[in-house]
N, C-alpha and C. Protein backbone atom coordinates (compact mmCIF):
# COMPACT_ATOMS: atom_id res chain seq x y z
N UNK A 1 -13.83 50.49 -82.30
CA UNK A 1 -13.40 49.62 -81.25
C UNK A 1 -11.98 49.96 -80.80
N UNK A 2 -11.05 50.19 -81.75
CA UNK A 2 -9.69 50.56 -81.39
C UNK A 2 -9.65 51.94 -80.75
N UNK A 3 -10.56 52.80 -81.15
CA UNK A 3 -10.62 54.14 -80.58
C UNK A 3 -10.96 54.07 -79.09
N UNK A 4 -11.82 53.16 -78.69
CA UNK A 4 -12.16 53.00 -77.27
C UNK A 4 -10.94 52.55 -76.47
N UNK A 5 -10.14 51.63 -77.01
CA UNK A 5 -8.95 51.16 -76.31
C UNK A 5 -7.92 52.28 -76.17
N UNK A 6 -7.77 53.11 -77.18
CA UNK A 6 -6.81 54.22 -77.12
C UNK A 6 -7.26 55.29 -76.14
N UNK A 7 -8.52 55.46 -75.94
CA UNK A 7 -9.03 56.48 -75.03
C UNK A 7 -8.93 56.06 -73.57
N UNK A 8 -8.77 54.76 -73.30
CA UNK A 8 -8.65 54.30 -71.92
C UNK A 8 -7.34 54.82 -71.34
N UNK A 9 -7.43 55.30 -70.07
CA UNK A 9 -6.24 55.81 -69.40
C UNK A 9 -5.70 54.72 -68.48
N UNK A 10 -4.35 54.72 -68.28
CA UNK A 10 -3.72 53.75 -67.40
C UNK A 10 -2.43 53.26 -68.01
N UNK A 11 -1.77 52.35 -67.26
CA UNK A 11 -0.49 51.82 -67.71
C UNK A 11 -0.69 50.47 -68.36
N UNK A 12 0.15 50.19 -69.33
CA UNK A 12 0.12 48.87 -69.93
C UNK A 12 0.91 47.90 -69.08
N UNK A 13 0.75 46.64 -69.33
CA UNK A 13 1.46 45.61 -68.58
C UNK A 13 2.98 45.73 -68.78
N UNK A 14 3.40 46.05 -69.96
CA UNK A 14 4.83 46.20 -70.26
C UNK A 14 5.42 47.36 -69.45
N UNK A 15 4.71 48.47 -69.38
CA UNK A 15 5.20 49.62 -68.60
C UNK A 15 5.33 49.27 -67.12
N UNK A 16 4.37 48.54 -66.58
CA UNK A 16 4.43 48.14 -65.17
C UNK A 16 5.60 47.20 -64.91
N UNK A 17 5.85 46.26 -65.81
CA UNK A 17 6.96 45.33 -65.65
C UNK A 17 8.29 46.08 -65.70
N UNK A 18 8.42 47.04 -66.62
CA UNK A 18 9.66 47.83 -66.72
C UNK A 18 9.91 48.59 -65.42
N UNK A 19 8.90 49.19 -64.83
CA UNK A 19 9.05 49.92 -63.57
C UNK A 19 9.47 48.97 -62.45
N UNK A 20 8.87 47.80 -62.38
CA UNK A 20 9.22 46.83 -61.35
C UNK A 20 10.66 46.34 -61.51
N UNK A 21 11.11 46.13 -62.73
CA UNK A 21 12.49 45.71 -62.96
C UNK A 21 13.46 46.80 -62.52
N UNK A 22 13.16 48.04 -62.82
CA UNK A 22 14.02 49.16 -62.39
C UNK A 22 14.08 49.24 -60.87
N UNK A 23 12.94 49.08 -60.20
CA UNK A 23 12.93 49.10 -58.74
C UNK A 23 13.73 47.94 -58.16
N UNK A 24 13.66 46.78 -58.76
CA UNK A 24 14.42 45.62 -58.28
C UNK A 24 15.92 45.86 -58.43
N UNK A 25 16.34 46.47 -59.53
CA UNK A 25 17.76 46.78 -59.74
C UNK A 25 18.24 47.79 -58.70
N UNK A 26 17.46 48.82 -58.44
CA UNK A 26 17.83 49.81 -57.42
C UNK A 26 17.93 49.18 -56.03
N UNK A 27 17.00 48.29 -55.70
CA UNK A 27 17.04 47.62 -54.40
C UNK A 27 18.27 46.73 -54.29
N UNK A 28 18.62 46.05 -55.38
CA UNK A 28 19.80 45.19 -55.36
C UNK A 28 21.08 45.99 -55.17
N UNK A 29 21.12 47.20 -55.64
CA UNK A 29 22.29 48.07 -55.45
C UNK A 29 22.32 48.69 -54.06
N UNK A 30 21.18 48.96 -53.50
CA UNK A 30 21.09 49.69 -52.23
C UNK A 30 21.29 48.81 -51.00
N UNK A 31 20.78 47.61 -51.00
CA UNK A 31 20.81 46.75 -49.80
C UNK A 31 22.23 46.44 -49.32
N UNK A 32 23.19 46.07 -50.16
CA UNK A 32 24.54 45.82 -49.65
C UNK A 32 25.18 47.04 -48.99
N UNK A 33 24.93 48.21 -49.51
CA UNK A 33 25.53 49.40 -48.90
C UNK A 33 24.90 49.71 -47.54
N UNK A 34 23.62 49.40 -47.37
CA UNK A 34 22.97 49.63 -46.09
C UNK A 34 23.48 48.69 -45.01
N UNK A 35 23.80 47.45 -45.35
CA UNK A 35 24.31 46.52 -44.34
C UNK A 35 25.66 46.99 -43.81
N UNK A 36 26.46 47.64 -44.63
CA UNK A 36 27.73 48.20 -44.16
C UNK A 36 27.50 49.29 -43.13
N UNK A 37 26.50 50.11 -43.33
CA UNK A 37 26.19 51.17 -42.37
C UNK A 37 25.67 50.60 -41.05
N UNK A 38 24.93 49.51 -41.12
CA UNK A 38 24.41 48.89 -39.91
C UNK A 38 25.56 48.32 -39.07
N UNK A 39 26.52 47.63 -39.71
CA UNK A 39 27.67 47.10 -38.98
C UNK A 39 28.50 48.22 -38.36
N UNK A 40 28.70 49.29 -39.09
CA UNK A 40 29.46 50.41 -38.57
C UNK A 40 28.76 51.04 -37.37
N UNK A 41 27.46 51.17 -37.44
CA UNK A 41 26.69 51.74 -36.32
C UNK A 41 26.78 50.84 -35.09
N UNK A 42 26.74 49.52 -35.28
CA UNK A 42 26.87 48.61 -34.14
C UNK A 42 28.24 48.70 -33.49
N UNK A 43 29.29 48.85 -34.29
CA UNK A 43 30.64 49.00 -33.73
C UNK A 43 30.75 50.31 -32.95
N UNK A 44 30.17 51.37 -33.47
CA UNK A 44 30.21 52.65 -32.76
C UNK A 44 29.40 52.59 -31.47
N UNK A 45 28.33 51.80 -31.46
CA UNK A 45 27.53 51.62 -30.25
C UNK A 45 28.36 50.93 -29.16
N UNK A 46 29.15 49.93 -29.55
CA UNK A 46 30.00 49.23 -28.58
C UNK A 46 31.05 50.17 -28.01
N UNK A 47 31.60 51.04 -28.84
CA UNK A 47 32.58 52.01 -28.34
C UNK A 47 31.92 52.95 -27.33
N UNK A 48 30.72 53.40 -27.61
CA UNK A 48 30.01 54.29 -26.68
C UNK A 48 29.72 53.58 -25.37
N UNK A 49 29.32 52.32 -25.44
CA UNK A 49 29.05 51.56 -24.22
C UNK A 49 30.35 51.32 -23.44
N UNK A 50 31.46 51.12 -24.14
CA UNK A 50 32.76 50.96 -23.47
C UNK A 50 33.13 52.23 -22.74
N UNK A 51 32.87 53.38 -23.35
CA UNK A 51 33.11 54.66 -22.67
C UNK A 51 32.31 54.77 -21.38
N UNK A 52 31.05 54.34 -21.45
CA UNK A 52 30.20 54.40 -20.25
C UNK A 52 30.74 53.49 -19.15
N UNK A 53 31.17 52.29 -19.52
CA UNK A 53 31.72 51.36 -18.53
C UNK A 53 33.02 51.92 -17.96
N UNK A 54 33.88 52.49 -18.81
CA UNK A 54 35.14 53.07 -18.34
C UNK A 54 34.89 54.20 -17.33
N UNK A 55 33.92 55.05 -17.62
CA UNK A 55 33.60 56.14 -16.69
C UNK A 55 33.05 55.60 -15.38
N UNK A 56 32.24 54.55 -15.44
CA UNK A 56 31.68 53.94 -14.24
C UNK A 56 32.77 53.29 -13.40
N UNK A 57 33.70 52.59 -14.05
CA UNK A 57 34.82 51.96 -13.32
C UNK A 57 35.67 53.04 -12.67
N UNK A 58 35.97 54.11 -13.39
CA UNK A 58 36.78 55.18 -12.83
C UNK A 58 36.09 55.82 -11.63
N UNK A 59 34.78 55.96 -11.69
CA UNK A 59 34.02 56.52 -10.56
C UNK A 59 34.15 55.63 -9.34
N UNK A 60 33.98 54.31 -9.51
CA UNK A 60 34.11 53.38 -8.39
C UNK A 60 35.54 53.34 -7.86
N UNK A 61 36.53 53.42 -8.75
CA UNK A 61 37.93 53.43 -8.31
C UNK A 61 38.23 54.68 -7.48
N UNK A 62 37.74 55.82 -7.94
CA UNK A 62 37.96 57.07 -7.20
C UNK A 62 37.33 57.01 -5.82
N UNK A 63 36.13 56.45 -5.75
CA UNK A 63 35.45 56.32 -4.46
C UNK A 63 36.22 55.38 -3.53
N UNK A 64 36.67 54.23 -4.06
CA UNK A 64 37.41 53.27 -3.24
C UNK A 64 38.74 53.85 -2.78
N UNK A 65 39.42 54.59 -3.65
CA UNK A 65 40.70 55.20 -3.28
C UNK A 65 40.49 56.26 -2.21
N UNK A 66 39.42 57.01 -2.33
CA UNK A 66 39.11 58.02 -1.31
C UNK A 66 38.78 57.39 0.03
N UNK A 67 38.11 56.25 0.02
CA UNK A 67 37.75 55.57 1.26
C UNK A 67 38.95 54.85 1.88
N UNK A 68 39.97 54.53 1.09
CA UNK A 68 41.14 53.82 1.61
C UNK A 68 41.90 54.69 2.60
N UNK A 69 41.86 55.99 2.43
CA UNK A 69 42.52 56.89 3.37
C UNK A 69 43.84 57.40 2.84
N UNK A 70 44.35 58.41 3.51
CA UNK A 70 45.59 59.07 3.09
C UNK A 70 46.77 58.11 3.19
N UNK A 71 47.61 58.12 2.18
CA UNK A 71 48.83 57.32 2.18
C UNK A 71 48.63 55.86 1.87
N UNK A 72 47.40 55.40 1.67
CA UNK A 72 47.14 53.99 1.36
C UNK A 72 46.85 53.86 -0.12
N UNK A 73 47.00 52.65 -0.63
CA UNK A 73 46.66 52.41 -2.03
C UNK A 73 45.76 51.19 -2.14
N UNK A 74 45.44 50.84 -3.37
CA UNK A 74 44.50 49.74 -3.63
C UNK A 74 45.19 48.48 -4.11
N UNK A 75 46.48 48.30 -3.78
CA UNK A 75 47.25 47.16 -4.27
C UNK A 75 46.61 45.83 -3.87
N UNK A 76 46.54 44.92 -4.85
CA UNK A 76 46.05 43.57 -4.58
C UNK A 76 44.54 43.45 -4.51
N UNK A 77 43.80 44.52 -4.69
CA UNK A 77 42.34 44.45 -4.63
C UNK A 77 41.82 43.88 -5.95
N UNK A 78 40.84 42.99 -5.86
CA UNK A 78 40.20 42.47 -7.06
C UNK A 78 38.70 42.41 -6.81
N UNK A 79 37.95 43.15 -7.59
CA UNK A 79 36.49 43.12 -7.49
C UNK A 79 35.99 42.11 -8.51
N UNK A 80 35.21 41.16 -8.02
CA UNK A 80 34.67 40.13 -8.89
C UNK A 80 33.16 40.06 -8.74
N UNK A 81 32.54 39.44 -9.69
CA UNK A 81 31.09 39.25 -9.66
C UNK A 81 30.77 37.94 -8.95
N UNK A 82 31.25 37.82 -7.70
CA UNK A 82 30.98 36.64 -6.88
C UNK A 82 30.53 37.11 -5.51
N UNK A 83 30.13 36.19 -4.67
CA UNK A 83 29.59 36.55 -3.36
C UNK A 83 30.71 36.94 -2.40
N UNK A 84 31.27 38.10 -2.59
CA UNK A 84 32.24 38.67 -1.65
C UNK A 84 32.09 40.18 -1.66
N UNK A 85 33.03 40.89 -1.12
CA UNK A 85 32.92 42.34 -1.04
C UNK A 85 32.85 43.01 -2.41
N UNK A 86 33.45 42.40 -3.40
CA UNK A 86 33.52 43.03 -4.71
C UNK A 86 32.21 43.11 -5.46
N UNK A 87 31.24 42.29 -5.10
CA UNK A 87 30.00 42.26 -5.88
C UNK A 87 29.28 43.60 -5.85
N UNK A 88 29.35 44.34 -4.75
CA UNK A 88 28.68 45.64 -4.71
C UNK A 88 29.32 46.62 -5.68
N UNK A 89 30.64 46.52 -5.85
CA UNK A 89 31.31 47.40 -6.82
C UNK A 89 30.91 47.04 -8.25
N UNK A 90 30.86 45.75 -8.56
CA UNK A 90 30.48 45.31 -9.90
C UNK A 90 29.05 45.74 -10.19
N UNK A 91 28.15 45.57 -9.24
CA UNK A 91 26.77 45.99 -9.41
C UNK A 91 26.69 47.50 -9.62
N UNK A 92 27.45 48.26 -8.85
CA UNK A 92 27.46 49.72 -9.00
C UNK A 92 27.99 50.13 -10.36
N UNK A 93 29.02 49.44 -10.83
CA UNK A 93 29.58 49.76 -12.14
C UNK A 93 28.54 49.53 -13.23
N UNK A 94 27.84 48.41 -13.17
CA UNK A 94 26.81 48.12 -14.18
C UNK A 94 25.66 49.12 -14.08
N UNK A 95 25.30 49.52 -12.86
CA UNK A 95 24.23 50.51 -12.70
C UNK A 95 24.67 51.87 -13.23
N UNK A 96 25.89 52.28 -12.90
CA UNK A 96 26.40 53.58 -13.36
C UNK A 96 26.55 53.63 -14.87
N UNK A 97 26.99 52.52 -15.46
CA UNK A 97 27.22 52.49 -16.90
C UNK A 97 25.92 52.51 -17.69
N UNK A 98 24.82 52.11 -17.05
CA UNK A 98 23.51 52.08 -17.69
C UNK A 98 23.50 51.26 -18.98
N UNK A 99 24.23 50.15 -18.95
CA UNK A 99 24.23 49.24 -20.09
C UNK A 99 22.90 48.52 -20.10
N UNK A 100 22.26 48.47 -21.26
CA UNK A 100 20.88 48.02 -21.34
C UNK A 100 20.71 46.54 -20.95
N UNK A 101 21.44 45.65 -21.57
CA UNK A 101 21.26 44.21 -21.30
C UNK A 101 22.39 43.73 -20.41
N UNK A 102 22.16 43.75 -19.11
CA UNK A 102 23.19 43.39 -18.15
C UNK A 102 23.50 41.89 -18.14
N UNK A 103 22.63 41.07 -18.70
CA UNK A 103 22.87 39.64 -18.70
C UNK A 103 23.81 39.21 -19.82
N UNK A 104 23.81 39.90 -20.93
CA UNK A 104 24.66 39.53 -22.07
C UNK A 104 26.00 40.25 -22.06
N UNK A 105 26.07 41.42 -21.46
CA UNK A 105 27.29 42.22 -21.52
C UNK A 105 28.20 41.90 -20.34
N UNK A 106 29.52 41.87 -20.63
CA UNK A 106 30.52 41.62 -19.60
C UNK A 106 31.68 42.58 -19.80
N UNK A 107 32.47 42.74 -18.74
CA UNK A 107 33.63 43.62 -18.85
C UNK A 107 34.75 43.15 -17.93
N UNK A 108 35.95 43.61 -18.21
CA UNK A 108 37.11 43.43 -17.34
C UNK A 108 37.87 44.74 -17.37
N UNK A 109 38.42 45.13 -16.22
CA UNK A 109 39.17 46.37 -16.15
C UNK A 109 40.41 46.17 -15.31
N UNK A 110 41.45 46.94 -15.59
CA UNK A 110 42.65 46.98 -14.77
C UNK A 110 42.91 48.43 -14.39
N UNK A 111 43.49 48.59 -13.19
CA UNK A 111 43.77 49.94 -12.70
C UNK A 111 45.08 49.93 -11.93
N UNK A 112 45.65 51.10 -11.74
CA UNK A 112 46.87 51.22 -10.95
C UNK A 112 46.52 51.26 -9.47
N UNK A 113 47.53 51.12 -8.62
CA UNK A 113 47.29 51.08 -7.17
C UNK A 113 46.78 52.40 -6.62
N UNK A 114 46.98 53.49 -7.38
CA UNK A 114 46.46 54.79 -6.93
C UNK A 114 45.08 55.09 -7.51
N UNK A 115 44.43 54.07 -8.07
CA UNK A 115 43.04 54.21 -8.51
C UNK A 115 42.86 54.78 -9.90
N UNK A 116 43.91 54.79 -10.71
CA UNK A 116 43.78 55.29 -12.09
C UNK A 116 43.51 54.14 -13.04
N UNK A 117 42.57 54.34 -13.90
CA UNK A 117 42.16 53.32 -14.86
C UNK A 117 43.26 53.09 -15.90
N UNK A 118 43.54 51.79 -16.19
CA UNK A 118 44.53 51.46 -17.22
C UNK A 118 43.84 50.96 -18.49
N UNK A 119 43.05 49.89 -18.35
CA UNK A 119 42.37 49.32 -19.51
C UNK A 119 40.96 48.88 -19.13
N UNK A 120 40.09 48.87 -20.14
CA UNK A 120 38.75 48.31 -19.98
C UNK A 120 38.46 47.49 -21.23
N UNK A 121 38.03 46.25 -21.03
CA UNK A 121 37.55 45.41 -22.12
C UNK A 121 36.06 45.21 -21.90
N UNK A 122 35.28 45.42 -22.95
CA UNK A 122 33.82 45.32 -22.85
C UNK A 122 33.31 44.44 -23.98
N UNK A 123 32.46 43.49 -23.65
CA UNK A 123 31.91 42.56 -24.63
C UNK A 123 30.39 42.60 -24.56
N UNK A 124 29.76 42.89 -25.70
CA UNK A 124 28.29 42.94 -25.73
C UNK A 124 27.67 41.69 -26.33
N UNK A 125 28.47 40.66 -26.55
CA UNK A 125 27.96 39.42 -27.13
C UNK A 125 28.18 39.34 -28.62
N UNK A 126 28.42 40.47 -29.28
CA UNK A 126 28.69 40.50 -30.71
C UNK A 126 30.10 41.05 -30.98
N UNK A 127 30.43 42.15 -30.33
CA UNK A 127 31.73 42.79 -30.48
C UNK A 127 32.40 42.94 -29.12
N UNK A 128 33.73 42.97 -29.14
CA UNK A 128 34.52 43.29 -27.95
C UNK A 128 35.29 44.56 -28.25
N UNK A 129 35.25 45.50 -27.32
CA UNK A 129 35.96 46.77 -27.47
C UNK A 129 36.94 46.89 -26.31
N UNK A 130 38.18 47.26 -26.63
CA UNK A 130 39.22 47.42 -25.62
C UNK A 130 39.63 48.89 -25.60
N UNK A 131 39.56 49.49 -24.39
CA UNK A 131 39.98 50.88 -24.19
C UNK A 131 41.31 50.88 -23.47
N UNK A 132 42.29 51.57 -24.04
CA UNK A 132 43.61 51.74 -23.42
C UNK A 132 43.69 53.18 -22.94
N UNK A 133 43.68 53.38 -21.62
CA UNK A 133 43.63 54.73 -21.06
C UNK A 133 44.91 55.52 -21.32
N UNK A 134 46.05 54.84 -21.38
CA UNK A 134 47.30 55.58 -21.61
C UNK A 134 47.37 56.17 -23.01
N UNK A 135 46.88 55.43 -24.00
CA UNK A 135 46.88 55.91 -25.39
C UNK A 135 45.56 56.56 -25.77
N UNK A 136 44.55 56.41 -24.91
CA UNK A 136 43.20 56.92 -25.17
C UNK A 136 42.66 56.41 -26.50
N UNK A 137 42.79 55.10 -26.71
CA UNK A 137 42.33 54.48 -27.95
C UNK A 137 41.31 53.39 -27.67
N UNK A 138 40.43 53.17 -28.64
CA UNK A 138 39.43 52.11 -28.58
C UNK A 138 39.67 51.19 -29.77
N UNK A 139 39.67 49.88 -29.51
CA UNK A 139 39.85 48.91 -30.59
C UNK A 139 38.70 47.91 -30.52
N UNK A 140 37.96 47.78 -31.61
CA UNK A 140 36.80 46.90 -31.65
C UNK A 140 37.11 45.68 -32.51
N UNK A 141 36.79 44.50 -31.97
CA UNK A 141 36.96 43.25 -32.70
C UNK A 141 35.70 42.41 -32.51
N UNK A 142 35.68 41.26 -33.15
CA UNK A 142 34.57 40.33 -32.92
C UNK A 142 34.61 39.82 -31.49
N UNK A 143 33.52 39.29 -31.01
CA UNK A 143 33.45 38.83 -29.62
C UNK A 143 34.45 37.71 -29.37
N UNK A 144 34.97 37.68 -28.14
CA UNK A 144 35.91 36.62 -27.79
C UNK A 144 35.35 35.72 -26.70
N UNK A 145 34.04 35.64 -26.59
CA UNK A 145 33.43 34.68 -25.70
C UNK A 145 33.08 35.19 -24.32
N UNK A 146 33.09 36.45 -24.11
CA UNK A 146 32.68 37.00 -22.81
C UNK A 146 33.85 37.21 -21.88
N UNK A 147 33.64 38.07 -20.93
CA UNK A 147 34.66 38.43 -19.96
C UNK A 147 34.13 38.10 -18.57
N UNK A 148 34.94 38.33 -17.55
CA UNK A 148 34.63 37.81 -16.21
C UNK A 148 34.03 38.82 -15.25
N UNK A 149 33.71 40.03 -15.69
CA UNK A 149 33.18 41.07 -14.79
C UNK A 149 34.09 41.29 -13.58
N UNK A 150 35.33 41.67 -13.84
CA UNK A 150 36.29 41.91 -12.77
C UNK A 150 36.99 43.24 -12.96
N UNK A 151 37.46 43.79 -11.83
CA UNK A 151 38.34 44.96 -11.83
C UNK A 151 39.56 44.55 -11.02
N UNK A 152 40.73 44.58 -11.65
CA UNK A 152 41.96 44.15 -10.99
C UNK A 152 42.89 45.36 -10.80
N UNK A 153 43.40 45.51 -9.59
CA UNK A 153 44.34 46.59 -9.28
C UNK A 153 45.75 46.01 -9.36
N UNK A 154 46.61 46.64 -10.16
CA UNK A 154 47.98 46.14 -10.33
C UNK A 154 48.97 47.12 -9.74
């Protein structure tokens, strides 16, 4: 009778429990490190989207400066997401930037009177990224409640 039990192939209950405990310990060690990588990837995604918005704003600024004519500047111009002349620029910026969720994402930008980009702030609802064109730096923080979708010329 004991010989039949010894000849059976397979794992015992104790061996299966030991394997499951080892897998649980490995999972407990691995999950916290993976969440750090996910947060880092989301922050890098916001920086990439800020770059796209900055390039789109610069494109619209260059076009507007070119249309203003020789010797003129863009002083006092403010493009807003309201029913006035600025809405077409804001729509073009969002189209050019190809930001996926246009309803949740907002931005604000400032530029010089000769159409050069100064700063861009971009908020995706989770993080806010600020681009400083003079220092060429990006700074990511937690969201600050959304921005107004404006471009201001100073």
